[in-house]
Amino acid sequence: PYGLTFLQKLTQHRIYHACYLLQNKTYTVTKISEMIGYNNSNYFFKKFKEITGITPTEYRNRLE
């Protein structure tokens, strides 16, 4: 989308990649947050919910 800053675009890209990784139950949510570049999993949870409207765990549970 237009009108987003570089950081906003990067955050969106990371969250979309996390959505893909959440399909694989091999990785914990904390591990996924590290894999996409977040050192703080709580911050990842916050950003994930801001973009998707649900937590990473809720997202994963809806895939079942």
C-alpha atoms as a PDB file:
ATOM      1  CA  PRO A   1       0.000   0.000   0.000  1.00  0.00           C
ATOM      2  CA  TYR A   2       1.004   3.555  -0.646  1.00  0.00           C
ATOM      3  CA  GLY A   3       1.623   6.055   2.099  1.00  0.00           C
ATOM      4  CA  LEU A   4       3.456   3.659   4.397  1.00  0.00           C
ATOM      5  CA  THR A   5       6.896   4.340   5.785  1.00  0.00           C
ATOM      6  CA  PHE A   6       9.730   1.916   5.180  1.00  0.00           C
ATOM      7  CA  LEU A   7       9.439   0.661   8.758  1.00  0.00           C
ATOM      8  CA  GLN A   8       5.693   0.065   8.368  1.00  0.00           C
ATOM      9  CA  LYS A   9       6.288  -1.884   5.144  1.00  0.00           C
ATOM     10  CA  LEU A  10       9.032  -3.917   6.814  1.00  0.00           C
ATOM     11  CA  THR A  11       6.765  -4.691   9.769  1.00  0.00           C
ATOM     12  CA  GLN A  12       3.969  -5.811   7.434  1.00  0.00           C
ATOM     13  CA  HIS A  13       6.374  -8.030   5.512  1.00  0.00           C
ATOM     14  CA  ARG A  14       7.634  -9.610   8.734  1.00  0.00           C
ATOM     15  CA  ILE A  15       4.105 -10.281   9.983  1.00  0.00           C
ATOM     16  CA  TYR A  16       3.019 -11.791   6.652  1.00  0.00           C
ATOM     17  CA  HIS A  17       6.082 -14.034   6.768  1.00  0.00           C
ATOM     18  CA  ALA A  18       5.177 -15.001  10.345  1.00  0.00           C
ATOM     19  CA  CYS A  19       1.702 -16.002   9.117  1.00  0.00           C
ATOM     20  CA  TYR A  20       3.360 -18.360   6.659  1.00  0.00           C
ATOM     21  CA  LEU A  21       5.674 -19.798   9.331  1.00  0.00           C
ATOM     22  CA  LEU A  22       2.807 -20.280  11.787  1.00  0.00           C
ATOM     23  CA  GLN A  23       1.418 -22.945   9.456  1.00  0.00           C
ATOM     24  CA  ASN A  24       4.365 -25.144  10.469  1.00  0.00           C
ATOM     25  CA  LYS A  25       3.893 -26.343  14.030  1.00  0.00           C
ATOM     26  CA  THR A  26       7.558 -27.317  14.267  1.00  0.00           C
ATOM     27  CA  TYR A  27       8.366 -23.788  15.401  1.00  0.00           C
ATOM     28  CA  THR A  28       7.159 -22.135  18.584  1.00  0.00           C
ATOM     29  CA  VAL A  29       5.702 -18.653  18.316  1.00  0.00           C
ATOM     30  CA  THR A  30       8.733 -17.313  20.188  1.00  0.00           C
ATOM     31  CA  LYS A  31      11.086 -19.018  17.715  1.00  0.00           C
ATOM     32  CA  ILE A  32       9.139 -17.555  14.796  1.00  0.00           C
ATOM     33  CA  SER A  33       9.430 -14.075  16.301  1.00  0.00           C
ATOM     34  CA  GLU A  34      13.214 -14.553  16.433  1.00  0.00           C
ATOM     35  CA  MET A  35      13.315 -15.967  12.892  1.00  0.00           C
ATOM     36  CA  ILE A  36      11.645 -12.881  11.442  1.00  0.00           C
ATOM     37  CA  GLY A  37      13.881 -10.453  13.315  1.00  0.00           C
ATOM     38  CA  TYR A  38      12.215  -9.628  16.621  1.00  0.00           C
ATOM     39  CA  ASN A  39      14.380  -9.883  19.736  1.00  0.00           C
ATOM     40  CA  ASN A  40      11.383  -9.291  21.999  1.00  0.00           C
ATOM     41  CA  SER A  41       8.511 -11.729  21.526  1.00  0.00           C
ATOM     42  CA  ASN A  42       6.097  -9.450  23.419  1.00  0.00           C
ATOM     43  CA  TYR A  43       6.741  -6.705  20.881  1.00  0.00           C
ATOM     44  CA  PHE A  44       6.173  -9.242  18.086  1.00  0.00           C
ATOM     45  CA  PHE A  45       2.832 -10.235  19.661  1.00  0.00           C
ATOM     46  CA  LYS A  46       1.834  -6.555  19.823  1.00  0.00           C
ATOM     47  CA  LYS A  47       2.749  -5.856  16.189  1.00  0.00           C
ATOM     48  CA  PHE A  48       1.125  -9.082  14.987  1.00  0.00           C
ATOM     49  CA  LYS A  49      -2.142  -8.160  16.684  1.00  0.00           C
ATOM     50  CA  GLU A  50      -1.998  -4.578  15.350  1.00  0.00           C
ATOM     51  CA  ILE A  51      -1.796  -5.873  11.784  1.00  0.00           C
ATOM     52  CA  THR A  52      -3.975  -9.004  11.891  1.00  0.00           C
ATOM     53  CA  GLY A  53      -6.377  -8.195  14.722  1.00  0.00           C
ATOM     54  CA  ILE A  54      -5.558 -11.453  16.532  1.00  0.00           C
ATOM     55  CA  THR A  55      -2.581 -12.925  18.386  1.00  0.00           C
ATOM     56  CA  PRO A  56      -0.153 -15.329  16.702  1.00  0.00           C
ATOM     57  CA  THR A  57      -1.519 -18.165  18.850  1.00  0.00           C
ATOM     58  CA  GLU A  58      -5.095 -17.367  17.821  1.00  0.00           C
ATOM     59  CA  TYR A  59      -3.975 -17.262  14.191  1.00  0.00           C
ATOM     60  CA  ARG A  60      -2.343 -20.670  14.482  1.00  0.00           C
ATOM     61  CA  ASN A  61      -5.391 -22.155  16.228  1.00  0.00           C
ATOM     62  CA  ARG A  62      -7.669 -20.927  13.434  1.00  0.00           C
ATOM     63  CA  LEU A  63      -5.576 -22.868  10.924  1.00  0.00           C
ATOM     64  CA  GLU A  64      -6.662 -26.157  12.484  1.00  0.00           C
END
